[in-house]
Amino acid sequence: MLDLSSERAFLGSVISNSSMYKTSTEIANKEGEIADKDAERFEIRPEIISLPIGHTVKMRAVAIPTPAQKLPNDPSVVWESSNPEVAFFTNGDVLNAATEGTVTIKATNVETSEEVTIQVEVMTLDDWDNTDPALSWSLNTVTVTFGVTPAYPTLTNESGVVVSYSSSDPEVATIDSSTGEITPIKSGVTTITATSEKDHNYNSIEVSYTLTINKGQSTVAWSSETYTATFGDTYEFPALTYSPGTLTPAYSSSNTDVATVNESGEINVLSGGETTITAVIEGDDCWLGSSSSVAITINKLAPNISWSSNSAEVTIGDTYSFPTLSNPNSLEITYSSSDTNVASINESGVISVLAAGETTISAIFVGSSTYNSSTVSFDLVIS
């Protein structure tokens, strides 16, 4: 309901009717009170009105004072509409705009039967030209980064109009049309727009800002840069941490003869040696890539082969007693004699005495993927 006594511009201009009814009588005014009235004229305010469909306005018939009558009473009038389908009255003086069109509104003075008319144009809300609402963003541009708490511009809506929101590129960022909540989708640039809904008081306008979304920096790190263990140990490899959790690292080993690593990051040691395990996060639409490595050293086992004695002396013709070889890991051993003219040793480690003299008998392990190489010897004196 509008109060037409105010000066709101959208209700139109207030124009006096030049053909209004007037009679001449004698009036007397006293300070602070109104004398009997015997001259009166009135007008409708405003004289020309345009209203949007669905709008209502309270009509007024306003008495116009004559030079002798400084404070006349407003007349009592009856209101009529020439076409109630376009505009009709309720409660006697409340005009309701119903459908698009033009209607004549008539006010009849119940005492004098004088009439004043105005034309009222009823139009659709889209055709209704109002003022723009006070609607603005706190910033014209803003840049946010994945992984960093964003600070988006705020919307100031001093006019209290109904607002809907949109994003020019929903593949970059979406926005809830009602709440304005933004969800970043990928890096890029989009325009965020707030659109006011046109109503009886305000036009529909759009206010926007440019939103740039940068890729975030992913992180991946081993808890230690190096790790050393011995083959066969219970391994406790460095732990890997990474972010964001939506990305999955890819793993690799620089020396798969020493150790392999599966897609879950589980390391399997195959032999002694050195390798580098690397975890890589590939970049995507939201995140920059990153990588981290750990240098792993796996020490080989000692073969632990040994002779029961470092030396032996035998006499040709006696019963021979030689040192025995301990080989607890059943490693593949080769044998040698430093002087095969004095004594020889076959592939099974059986020694043959040939002549008096001295020789060195050796057991040799050449090494493997898990054991270090080793050579152990004893001195043999034959007399």
Protein backbone atom coordinates (compact mmCIF):
# COMPACT_ATOMS: atom_id res chain seq x y z
CA MET A 1 0.00 0.00 0.00
CA LEU A 2 1.39 3.37 -1.01
CA ASP A 3 0.76 6.62 0.83
CA LEU A 4 0.26 9.17 -1.92
CA SER A 5 0.80 12.05 0.49
CA SER A 6 4.53 11.36 0.12
CA GLU A 7 6.53 12.73 -2.78
CA ARG A 8 7.68 9.46 -4.35
CA ALA A 9 8.45 10.21 -7.94
CA PHE A 10 7.26 6.85 -9.33
CA LEU A 11 3.64 7.72 -8.54
CA GLY A 12 3.72 10.47 -11.16
CA SER A 13 3.23 14.22 -11.12
CA VAL A 14 0.77 16.12 -8.97
CA ILE A 15 -1.21 18.35 -11.33
CA SER A 16 -4.15 20.60 -10.46
CA ASN A 17 -7.34 20.23 -12.49
CA SER A 18 -8.23 23.59 -14.10
CA SER A 19 -11.96 22.74 -14.40
CA MET A 20 -12.55 21.95 -10.74
CA TYR A 21 -15.85 22.98 -9.20
CA LYS A 22 -15.97 26.18 -7.16
CA THR A 23 -18.77 28.30 -5.49
CA SER A 24 -18.60 31.71 -3.80
CA THR A 25 -19.73 32.10 -0.20
CA GLU A 26 -18.66 34.17 2.69
CA ILE A 27 -16.29 32.50 5.15
CA ALA A 28 -14.78 33.74 8.35
CA ASN A 29 -11.56 32.39 9.83
CA LYS A 30 -10.50 32.63 13.39
CA GLU A 31 -7.01 31.78 14.65
CA GLY A 32 -6.70 28.08 15.42
CA GLU A 33 -10.12 27.02 14.08
CA ILE A 34 -12.00 26.59 10.79
CA ALA A 35 -15.12 28.61 9.97
CA ASP A 36 -18.19 27.18 8.26
CA LYS A 37 -17.34 26.35 4.69
CA ASP A 38 -19.42 27.64 1.79
CA ALA A 39 -16.80 27.55 -0.95
CA GLU A 40 -14.80 24.43 -1.94
CA ARG A 41 -12.80 22.91 -4.70
CA PHE A 42 -10.70 19.72 -4.74
CA GLU A 43 -8.18 17.74 -6.78
CA ILE A 44 -6.93 14.18 -7.01
CA ARG A 45 -3.36 13.55 -6.15
CA PRO A 46 -1.57 12.58 -8.23
CA GLU A 47 -3.49 13.62 -11.33
CA ILE A 48 -1.66 11.17 -13.59
CA ILE A 49 -0.69 7.77 -12.23
CA SER A 50 1.11 4.77 -13.71
CA LEU A 51 1.02 1.57 -11.73
CA PRO A 52 2.44 -1.93 -12.24
CA ILE A 53 0.13 -4.94 -12.18
CA GLY A 54 -0.43 -6.16 -8.63
CA HIS A 55 0.27 -2.78 -7.08
CA THR A 56 -2.16 -0.87 -4.83
CA VAL A 57 -2.40 2.80 -3.97
CA LYS A 58 -4.58 4.78 -1.58
CA MET A 59 -6.33 7.60 -3.48
CA ARG A 60 -6.96 11.03 -1.99
CA ALA A 61 -9.23 13.93 -2.81
CA VAL A 62 -7.54 17.05 -1.47
CA ALA A 63 -9.34 20.34 -0.86
CA ILE A 64 -7.70 23.39 -2.35
CA PRO A 65 -8.03 26.52 -0.18
CA THR A 66 -9.39 29.75 -1.63
CA PRO A 67 -7.84 33.12 -0.71
CA ALA A 68 -10.53 33.55 1.95
CA GLN A 69 -10.38 29.99 3.22
CA LYS A 70 -6.94 29.12 4.48
CA LEU A 71 -7.64 25.68 5.96
CA PRO A 72 -10.56 23.91 4.27
CA ASN A 73 -11.61 20.35 5.01
CA ASP A 74 -10.88 17.63 2.44
CA PRO A 75 -14.13 16.65 0.73
CA SER A 76 -15.85 13.33 1.14
CA VAL A 77 -15.86 11.59 -2.24
CA VAL A 78 -16.97 8.39 -3.90
CA TRP A 79 -14.38 6.63 -6.10
CA GLU A 80 -15.20 4.82 -9.35
CA SER A 81 -13.21 2.99 -12.01
CA SER A 82 -14.28 3.02 -15.65
CA ASN A 83 -12.97 -0.55 -16.09
CA PRO A 84 -12.70 -2.67 -12.94
CA GLU A 85 -11.02 -5.42 -14.93
CA VAL A 86 -8.03 -3.09 -15.37
CA ALA A 87 -8.17 -1.43 -11.94
CA PHE A 88 -10.71 -1.66 -9.13
CA PHE A 89 -11.29 -0.22 -5.66
CA THR A 90 -11.29 -1.97 -2.31
CA ASN A 91 -12.07 -0.42 1.06
CA GLY A 92 -13.59 2.51 -0.77
CA ASP A 93 -10.41 4.36 -1.74
CA VAL A 94 -7.69 1.73 -2.38
CA LEU A 95 -6.99 1.35 -6.09
CA ASN A 96 -5.80 -2.12 -7.20
CA ALA A 97 -3.93 -2.53 -10.51
CA ALA A 98 -5.22 -5.77 -12.07
CA THR A 99 -4.38 -6.08 -15.77
CA GLU A 100 -2.53 -4.11 -18.41
CA GLY A 101 -4.50 -1.20 -19.81
CA THR A 102 -5.75 2.36 -19.22
CA VAL A 103 -8.64 3.25 -16.96
CA THR A 104 -10.40 6.46 -15.92
CA ILE A 105 -10.67 7.07 -12.19
CA LYS A 106 -13.49 9.40 -11.06
CA ALA A 107 -13.92 11.06 -7.67
CA THR A 108 -17.41 12.48 -6.94
CA ASN A 109 -17.94 14.98 -4.11
CA VAL A 110 -20.84 13.56 -2.09
CA GLU A 111 -21.97 17.07 -1.02
CA THR A 112 -21.73 18.94 -4.32
CA SER A 113 -21.79 16.07 -6.86
CA GLU A 114 -18.83 17.68 -8.58
CA GLU A 115 -16.48 15.24 -10.33
CA VAL A 116 -12.75 15.09 -10.94
CA THR A 117 -11.16 12.41 -13.15
CA ILE A 118 -7.65 11.12 -13.86
CA GLN A 119 -6.22 8.55 -16.23
CA VAL A 120 -4.38 5.58 -14.72
CA GLU A 121 -2.12 3.38 -16.86
CA VAL A 122 -1.63 -0.16 -15.59
CA MET A 123 1.49 -1.82 -17.00
CA THR A 124 3.48 -4.99 -16.58
CA LEU A 125 6.31 -5.03 -14.09
CA ASP A 126 8.83 -5.33 -16.94
CA ASP A 127 7.59 -2.03 -18.37
CA TRP A 128 7.61 -0.33 -15.00
CA ASP A 129 10.59 2.04 -14.81
CA ASN A 130 11.87 2.52 -11.28
CA THR A 131 15.11 3.53 -9.68
CA ASP A 132 18.10 1.18 -9.50
CA PRO A 133 18.65 -0.54 -6.15
CA ALA A 134 21.75 0.12 -4.04
CA LEU A 135 23.59 -3.10 -4.88
CA SER A 136 27.37 -3.52 -5.07
CA TRP A 137 30.27 -5.92 -4.49
CA SER A 138 33.08 -4.97 -2.12
CA LEU A 139 35.69 -5.73 -4.82
CA ASN A 140 35.80 -5.70 -8.62
CA THR A 141 38.38 -8.48 -8.89
CA VAL A 142 39.66 -11.20 -6.58
CA THR A 143 42.18 -14.03 -6.88
CA VAL A 144 42.00 -17.22 -4.81
CA THR A 145 44.21 -20.30 -4.74
CA PHE A 146 43.32 -23.93 -4.19
CA GLY A 147 44.42 -25.01 -0.72
CA VAL A 148 44.24 -21.47 0.70
CA THR A 149 41.17 -20.25 2.58
CA PRO A 150 39.46 -17.89 0.09
CA ALA A 151 38.28 -14.36 0.86
CA TYR A 152 35.49 -13.61 -1.60
CA PRO A 153 33.95 -10.14 -2.08
CA THR A 154 30.82 -9.41 -0.07
CA LEU A 155 27.59 -8.09 -1.55
CA THR A 156 26.06 -4.92 -0.10
CA ASN A 157 22.29 -4.87 -0.61
CA GLU A 158 21.10 -1.68 1.05
CA SER A 159 17.78 -1.77 -0.80
CA GLY A 160 16.96 -5.25 0.46
CA VAL A 161 16.02 -6.53 -2.99
CA VAL A 162 15.78 -10.22 -3.89
CA VAL A 163 19.06 -11.32 -5.50
CA SER A 164 20.09 -14.37 -7.51
CA TYR A 165 23.68 -15.39 -8.29
CA SER A 166 25.40 -16.87 -11.33
CA SER A 167 28.84 -17.81 -12.65
CA SER A 168 29.82 -17.16 -16.27
CA ASP A 169 31.89 -20.36 -16.35
CA PRO A 170 30.52 -23.13 -14.09
CA GLU A 171 33.48 -25.33 -15.11
CA VAL A 172 35.75 -22.92 -13.20
CA ALA A 173 33.45 -22.19 -10.25
CA THR A 174 29.80 -22.73 -9.39
CA ILE A 175 27.71 -20.52 -7.13
CA ASP A 176 24.49 -21.30 -5.31
CA SER A 177 21.85 -19.15 -7.01
CA SER A 178 20.12 -18.43 -3.69
CA THR A 179 22.86 -18.26 -1.06
CA GLY A 180 25.80 -17.08 -3.17
CA GLU A 181 28.06 -19.84 -1.84
CA ILE A 182 30.96 -20.40 -4.26
CA THR A 183 32.51 -23.79 -5.04
CA PRO A 184 35.82 -23.69 -6.97
CA ILE A 185 36.03 -26.43 -9.62
CA LYS A 186 39.34 -25.81 -11.37
CA SER A 187 41.84 -23.06 -12.13
CA GLY A 188 40.66 -20.35 -14.49
CA VAL A 189 38.69 -17.12 -14.66
CA THR A 190 34.95 -16.60 -14.28
CA THR A 191 32.62 -13.69 -13.67
CA ILE A 192 30.40 -13.82 -10.58
CA THR A 193 27.16 -11.86 -11.04
CA ALA A 194 24.45 -10.83 -8.62
CA THR A 195 21.14 -9.99 -10.34
CA SER A 196 18.40 -8.14 -8.50
CA GLU A 197 14.79 -9.10 -9.10
CA LYS A 198 12.63 -6.32 -10.46
CA ASP A 199 9.83 -5.29 -8.15
CA HIS A 200 7.41 -2.38 -7.63
CA ASN A 201 10.14 -0.19 -6.25
CA TYR A 202 13.35 -1.08 -8.06
CA ASN A 203 14.64 -2.03 -11.49
CA SER A 204 16.51 -5.25 -12.12
CA ILE A 205 20.27 -4.67 -12.32
CA GLU A 206 23.41 -6.81 -12.46
CA VAL A 207 26.63 -6.26 -10.52
CA SER A 208 29.67 -8.46 -11.13
CA TYR A 209 33.25 -9.12 -10.19
CA THR A 210 36.02 -11.15 -11.84
CA LEU A 211 37.12 -14.27 -9.98
CA THR A 212 40.51 -15.79 -10.82
CA ILE A 213 41.30 -19.21 -9.37
CA ASN A 214 44.96 -20.26 -9.30
CA LYS A 215 46.28 -23.79 -8.97
CA GLY A 216 47.33 -24.77 -5.49
CA GLN A 217 50.72 -26.26 -4.64
CA SER A 218 50.51 -29.94 -3.87
CA THR A 219 52.97 -31.32 -1.33
CA VAL A 220 54.64 -34.71 -0.98
CA ALA A 221 57.41 -35.55 1.47
CA TRP A 222 59.17 -38.57 2.99
CA SER A 223 59.79 -38.43 6.73
CA SER A 224 63.51 -38.93 6.03
CA GLU A 225 65.71 -38.34 2.98
CA THR A 226 67.80 -41.49 3.58
CA TYR A 227 67.29 -44.99 4.96
CA THR A 228 69.81 -47.76 5.64
CA ALA A 229 69.12 -51.36 6.63
CA THR A 230 70.61 -54.82 6.26
CA PHE A 231 69.06 -57.39 4.01
CA GLY A 232 66.61 -59.53 5.93
CA ASP A 233 65.96 -56.96 8.66
CA THR A 234 62.49 -55.92 9.68
CA TYR A 235 62.26 -52.81 7.52
CA GLU A 236 60.79 -49.57 8.80
CA PHE A 237 60.90 -47.32 5.78
CA PRO A 238 60.29 -43.55 6.01
CA ALA A 239 56.60 -42.58 5.89
CA LEU A 240 55.16 -40.52 3.09
CA THR A 241 52.75 -37.63 3.61
CA TYR A 242 51.05 -35.74 0.81
CA SER A 243 48.24 -33.32 0.07
CA PRO A 244 45.65 -32.84 -1.16
CA GLY A 245 44.21 -36.22 -0.30
CA THR A 246 42.24 -36.23 -3.55
CA LEU A 247 45.43 -36.86 -5.51
CA THR A 248 47.35 -40.14 -5.52
CA PRO A 249 51.16 -40.27 -5.81
CA ALA A 250 52.87 -42.46 -8.37
CA TYR A 251 55.93 -44.40 -7.16
CA SER A 252 59.12 -45.58 -8.81
CA SER A 253 62.45 -47.23 -7.92
CA SER A 254 65.70 -46.24 -9.62
CA ASN A 255 67.12 -49.77 -9.19
CA THR A 256 64.51 -52.48 -9.32
CA ASP A 257 67.18 -55.15 -8.75
CA VAL A 258 67.54 -53.80 -5.21
CA ALA A 259 63.93 -52.88 -4.42
CA THR A 260 60.58 -52.42 -6.13
CA VAL A 261 57.64 -50.27 -5.05
CA ASN A 262 53.99 -50.90 -5.93
CA GLU A 263 51.19 -48.42 -6.68
CA SER A 264 50.32 -48.23 -2.99
CA GLY A 265 53.87 -47.24 -2.05
CA GLU A 266 54.80 -50.61 -0.50
CA ILE A 267 58.55 -51.28 -0.89
CA ASN A 268 59.83 -54.81 -1.53
CA VAL A 269 63.56 -55.39 -0.99
CA LEU A 270 65.10 -57.90 -3.39
CA SER A 271 68.82 -57.60 -2.75
CA GLY A 272 71.51 -55.56 -1.14
CA GLY A 273 72.54 -52.35 -2.85
CA GLU A 274 71.31 -48.81 -3.36
CA THR A 275 68.15 -47.42 -4.92
CA THR A 276 66.09 -44.23 -4.82
CA ILE A 277 62.34 -44.43 -4.21
CA THR A 278 60.45 -41.45 -5.66
CA ALA A 279 56.85 -40.36 -5.10
CA VAL A 280 55.37 -38.01 -7.70
CA ILE A 281 52.08 -36.10 -7.70
CA GLU A 282 51.18 -35.08 -11.22
CA GLY A 283 49.55 -31.66 -11.67
CA ASP A 284 45.92 -31.35 -12.73
CA ASP A 285 43.36 -28.59 -13.30
CA CYS A 286 43.52 -27.58 -9.64
CA TRP A 287 46.99 -28.43 -8.37
CA LEU A 288 50.63 -28.00 -9.36
CA GLY A 289 52.71 -31.17 -9.32
CA SER A 290 55.39 -32.09 -6.77
CA SER A 291 57.77 -34.95 -5.94
CA SER A 292 59.98 -36.29 -3.18
CA SER A 293 62.62 -39.04 -2.97
CA VAL A 294 64.31 -41.20 -0.35
CA ALA A 295 67.75 -42.80 -0.87
CA ILE A 296 67.70 -46.40 0.35
CA THR A 297 70.82 -48.45 1.12
CA ILE A 298 70.44 -52.17 1.82
CA ASN A 299 73.61 -53.71 3.19
CA LYS A 300 74.40 -57.28 2.15
CA LEU A 301 74.77 -60.05 4.71
CA ALA A 302 78.13 -61.45 5.80
CA PRO A 303 78.66 -65.00 4.39
CA ASN A 304 80.20 -66.21 7.69
CA ILE A 305 82.38 -68.92 6.12
CA SER A 306 85.49 -70.02 8.09
CA TRP A 307 88.09 -72.80 8.49
CA SER A 308 88.29 -74.57 11.79
CA SER A 309 92.01 -73.70 11.96
CA ASN A 310 94.36 -71.20 10.37
CA SER A 311 97.12 -73.79 9.79
CA ALA A 312 97.85 -77.50 9.56
CA GLU A 313 100.92 -79.77 9.40
CA VAL A 314 100.89 -83.29 8.01
CA THR A 315 103.52 -85.97 7.16
CA ILE A 316 103.45 -87.89 3.94
CA GLY A 317 102.27 -91.42 4.62
CA ASP A 318 100.41 -90.56 7.83
CA THR A 319 96.68 -90.34 8.27
CA TYR A 320 95.86 -86.78 7.23
CA SER A 321 93.72 -84.45 9.32
CA PHE A 322 92.85 -81.12 7.67
CA PRO A 323 90.80 -78.08 8.97
CA THR A 324 87.11 -78.23 8.09
CA LEU A 325 85.12 -75.43 6.46
CA SER A 326 82.05 -73.93 8.18
CA ASN A 327 79.44 -72.76 5.64
CA PRO A 328 76.24 -72.13 7.66
CA ASN A 329 74.37 -70.50 4.76
CA SER A 330 75.18 -73.28 2.29
CA LEU A 331 76.80 -70.82 -0.07
CA GLU A 332 78.42 -71.91 -3.31
CA ILE A 333 82.16 -72.24 -2.57
CA THR A 334 85.15 -72.66 -4.87
CA TYR A 335 88.56 -73.90 -3.65
CA SER A 336 92.19 -73.27 -4.55
CA SER A 337 95.75 -74.20 -3.58
CA SER A 338 98.57 -71.71 -3.89
CA ASP A 339 101.02 -74.50 -4.85
CA THR A 340 99.41 -77.39 -6.64
CA ASN A 341 102.75 -79.26 -6.76
CA VAL A 342 102.58 -79.63 -2.98
CA ALA A 343 98.81 -80.20 -2.59
CA SER A 344 95.66 -79.84 -4.64
CA ILE A 345 91.97 -79.43 -3.66
CA ASN A 346 89.01 -80.41 -5.80
CA GLU A 347 85.58 -78.73 -6.21
CA SER A 348 84.22 -80.68 -3.28
CA GLY A 349 87.00 -79.43 -0.98
CA VAL A 350 88.94 -82.75 -0.86
CA ILE A 351 92.72 -82.13 -0.42
CA SER A 352 95.33 -84.37 -2.07
CA VAL A 353 98.92 -84.36 -0.67
CA LEU A 354 101.48 -84.52 -3.49
CA ALA A 355 104.90 -83.54 -2.12
CA ALA A 356 106.68 -82.04 0.83
CA GLY A 357 106.41 -78.27 1.01
CA GLU A 358 104.05 -75.42 1.89
CA THR A 359 100.84 -74.22 0.28
CA THR A 360 97.81 -72.11 1.16
CA ILE A 361 94.37 -73.66 0.86
CA SER A 362 91.55 -71.14 0.22
CA ALA A 363 87.73 -71.28 0.20
CA ILE A 364 86.23 -68.57 -1.97
CA PHE A 365 82.69 -67.16 -2.07
CA VAL A 366 82.32 -64.70 -4.93
CA GLY A 367 79.27 -62.92 -3.45
CA SER A 368 75.60 -62.71 -4.37
CA SER A 369 72.70 -60.29 -4.34
CA THR A 370 72.26 -60.76 -0.62
CA TYR A 371 75.74 -61.83 0.65
CA ASN A 372 79.08 -60.09 0.42
CA SER A 373 82.02 -61.92 -1.15
CA SER A 374 84.54 -63.64 1.14
CA THR A 375 87.76 -65.64 0.96
CA VAL A 376 89.11 -67.65 3.91
CA SER A 377 92.38 -69.64 3.97
CA PHE A 378 94.68 -71.82 6.06
CA ASP A 379 98.40 -72.62 5.68
CA LEU A 380 99.33 -76.25 4.99
CA VAL A 381 102.85 -77.58 5.74
CA ILE A 382 103.70 -81.05 4.37
CA SER A 383 106.81 -82.92 5.51
